[in-house]
N, C-alpha and C. Protein backbone atom coordinates (compact mmCIF):
# COMPACT_ATOMS: atom_id res chain seq x y z
N UNK A 1 89.00 109.25 122.64
CA UNK A 1 88.17 108.77 123.15
C UNK A 1 86.94 109.47 124.09
N UNK A 2 86.40 109.31 124.66
CA UNK A 2 85.21 109.70 125.10
C UNK A 2 85.31 109.70 126.56
N UNK A 3 84.49 110.98 127.05
CA UNK A 3 84.54 111.27 128.29
C UNK A 3 84.70 110.80 129.23
N UNK A 4 83.85 109.46 129.14
CA UNK A 4 84.14 108.74 130.18
C UNK A 4 84.98 107.74 130.03
N UNK A 5 85.97 107.83 129.48
CA UNK A 5 87.99 107.29 128.97
C UNK A 5 87.39 106.45 128.14
N UNK A 6 86.29 106.09 127.83
CA UNK A 6 86.02 104.44 126.95
C UNK A 6 86.67 104.76 125.81
N UNK A 7 87.63 104.53 124.69
CA UNK A 7 88.02 104.22 123.60
C UNK A 7 86.71 103.64 122.79
N UNK A 8 86.56 104.53 121.78
CA UNK A 8 86.08 104.07 121.17
C UNK A 8 87.11 103.48 118.95
N UNK A 9 86.20 102.69 119.01
CA UNK A 9 86.91 102.24 117.41
C UNK A 9 86.98 104.02 116.45
N UNK A 10 88.01 103.04 115.60
CA UNK A 10 88.30 104.20 114.28
C UNK A 10 88.07 103.98 113.14
N UNK A 11 87.31 102.52 112.92
CA UNK A 11 86.84 102.69 111.88
C UNK A 11 86.03 101.03 112.09
N UNK A 12 85.04 100.74 111.85
CA UNK A 12 84.00 99.86 111.48
C UNK A 12 83.60 98.97 109.92
N UNK A 13 83.88 98.06 109.31
CA UNK A 13 84.08 97.13 108.06
C UNK A 13 82.83 96.58 107.81
N UNK A 14 82.11 96.69 107.53
CA UNK A 14 80.24 96.03 106.78
C UNK A 14 80.50 94.85 106.03
N UNK A 15 80.26 94.29 106.00
CA UNK A 15 80.38 93.00 105.21
C UNK A 15 78.81 93.05 104.60
N UNK A 16 78.37 92.62 103.94
CA UNK A 16 76.75 92.29 103.50
C UNK A 16 76.86 90.98 102.97
N UNK A 17 76.32 90.01 103.30
CA UNK A 17 76.72 88.62 102.61
C UNK A 17 75.35 87.84 102.14
N UNK A 18 75.43 87.00 101.55
CA UNK A 18 73.57 86.62 101.12
C UNK A 18 74.33 85.52 100.50
N UNK A 19 74.75 84.28 101.00
CA UNK A 19 74.67 82.36 100.93
C UNK A 19 76.13 82.29 100.05
N UNK A 20 76.95 82.79 101.02
CA UNK A 20 78.38 83.10 101.02
C UNK A 20 79.17 82.52 101.71
N UNK A 21 78.68 80.87 102.37
CA UNK A 21 79.36 80.35 103.65
C UNK A 21 80.76 80.00 102.69
N UNK A 22 80.82 79.84 100.85
CA UNK A 22 81.61 79.40 101.19
C UNK A 22 83.31 80.02 101.14
N UNK A 23 82.85 81.50 101.16
CA UNK A 23 83.67 82.41 100.32
C UNK A 23 83.64 83.29 101.96
N UNK A 24 82.76 83.70 103.12
CA UNK A 24 82.92 84.17 103.95
C UNK A 24 83.95 84.03 104.84
N UNK A 25 84.45 82.99 105.10
CA UNK A 25 85.48 82.30 105.88
C UNK A 25 87.08 83.37 105.59
N UNK A 26 87.03 83.00 104.29
CA UNK A 26 88.37 83.83 103.44
C UNK A 26 88.07 85.28 103.89
N UNK A 27 87.34 85.83 103.69
CA UNK A 27 87.01 87.41 103.63
C UNK A 27 87.52 87.58 105.21
N UNK A 28 86.55 87.25 106.17
CA UNK A 28 86.54 87.78 107.08
C UNK A 28 87.97 87.55 107.80
N UNK A 29 88.44 86.01 107.94
CA UNK A 29 90.07 85.61 107.98
C UNK A 29 91.11 86.87 107.99
N UNK A 30 90.89 87.43 106.29
CA UNK A 30 92.02 88.53 105.42
C UNK A 30 91.32 90.05 106.45
N UNK A 31 90.20 90.20 106.58
CA UNK A 31 90.32 91.72 107.27
C UNK A 31 90.76 91.25 108.94
N UNK A 32 90.20 90.45 109.58
CA UNK A 32 90.47 90.37 110.84
C UNK A 32 92.24 90.57 110.91
N UNK A 33 93.03 89.83 109.58
CA UNK A 33 94.33 89.39 109.61
C UNK A 33 95.58 90.58 109.56
N UNK A 34 94.78 92.05 109.54
CA UNK A 34 94.98 93.23 108.35
C UNK A 34 96.57 93.71 110.16
N UNK A 35 97.65 94.10 109.36
CA UNK A 35 98.00 94.84 109.90
C UNK A 35 98.25 96.42 110.39
N UNK A 36 97.79 96.19 111.53
CA UNK A 36 97.55 98.42 111.85
C UNK A 36 97.31 98.83 113.10
N UNK A 37 97.35 99.81 113.02
CA UNK A 37 97.91 99.85 114.44
C UNK A 37 96.50 100.88 114.80
N UNK A 38 95.04 100.73 113.88
CA UNK A 38 93.54 100.92 114.03
C UNK A 38 93.23 100.17 114.65
N UNK A 39 91.80 100.85 115.73
CA UNK A 39 91.28 99.75 116.61
C UNK A 39 89.89 99.86 115.27
N UNK A 40 89.50 98.78 114.83
CA UNK A 40 88.81 98.09 114.08
C UNK A 40 87.40 97.46 114.62
N UNK A 41 86.82 97.11 114.28
CA UNK A 41 85.57 96.00 113.98
C UNK A 41 85.11 95.66 113.29
N UNK A 42 84.33 94.79 113.15
CA UNK A 42 83.92 93.90 111.87
C UNK A 42 82.82 93.33 112.05
N UNK A 43 81.70 94.34 111.52
CA UNK A 43 79.81 93.44 111.13
C UNK A 43 79.89 92.90 109.83
N UNK A 44 78.97 91.42 110.21
CA UNK A 44 78.83 91.18 109.18
C UNK A 44 77.00 91.23 109.19
N UNK A 45 76.68 91.53 108.65
CA UNK A 45 75.19 91.23 107.91
C UNK A 45 74.40 90.07 106.85
N UNK A 46 74.12 89.47 107.12
CA UNK A 46 73.10 88.31 106.50
C UNK A 46 71.74 88.68 105.85
N UNK A 47 71.97 88.36 104.96
CA UNK A 47 71.24 88.85 104.03
C UNK A 47 70.18 88.05 103.93
N UNK A 48 69.65 87.09 105.06
CA UNK A 48 68.89 86.23 104.27
C UNK A 48 69.73 85.11 103.72
N UNK A 49 70.59 84.29 104.01
CA UNK A 49 71.19 83.30 103.78
C UNK A 49 70.40 82.40 103.46
N UNK A 50 70.57 81.76 102.99
CA UNK A 50 70.10 80.16 102.99
C UNK A 50 70.77 78.79 102.93
N UNK A 51 72.28 79.57 103.00
CA UNK A 51 73.40 78.28 103.08
C UNK A 51 73.82 78.39 104.57
N UNK A 52 74.97 78.23 104.80
CA UNK A 52 75.47 78.13 106.48
C UNK A 52 76.27 79.25 106.49
N UNK A 53 75.67 80.50 105.89
CA UNK A 53 77.16 81.60 105.61
C UNK A 53 76.96 81.85 107.25
N UNK A 54 75.95 82.01 108.33
CA UNK A 54 76.09 82.69 109.68
C UNK A 54 76.39 81.43 110.24
N UNK A 55 76.39 80.84 110.00
CA UNK A 55 77.15 79.27 110.96
C UNK A 55 78.77 79.35 110.81
N UNK A 56 79.36 79.86 109.39
CA UNK A 56 80.14 80.03 109.55
C UNK A 56 80.85 81.14 110.21
N UNK A 57 80.61 82.30 109.88
CA UNK A 57 80.51 83.32 110.63
C UNK A 57 80.26 82.94 112.49
N UNK A 58 79.63 82.82 112.95
CA UNK A 58 79.70 82.36 114.22
C UNK A 58 80.84 81.63 115.16
N UNK A 59 80.77 80.22 113.99
CA UNK A 59 82.36 79.45 114.45
C UNK A 59 83.77 80.16 114.29
N UNK A 60 83.63 81.64 113.70
CA UNK A 60 84.95 82.55 112.84
C UNK A 60 85.04 82.75 113.96
N UNK A 61 83.47 83.77 113.92
CA UNK A 61 83.69 84.92 116.35
C UNK A 61 84.16 84.04 116.87
N UNK A 62 84.05 82.55 117.51
CA UNK A 62 84.39 82.02 117.99
C UNK A 62 85.14 81.66 118.28
N UNK A 63 86.65 81.38 117.30
CA UNK A 63 87.72 81.05 117.15
C UNK A 63 88.46 82.82 117.21
N UNK A 64 88.05 83.18 116.62
CA UNK A 64 88.85 84.65 116.39
C UNK A 64 88.52 85.61 117.16
């Protein structure tokens, strides 16, 4: 906890993706469904994909 009382994440998982539209959903769902007491975030970096990687990530973000 910070002095202002804010809770911080215990970990941030960084996923770097390039043209992973077919697989990014499985990856993110596996990460988001982890059973843990730790507070964590998932950061996806789209490295200039030309497929629908970013669209898939947005769809998952909107529903999870």
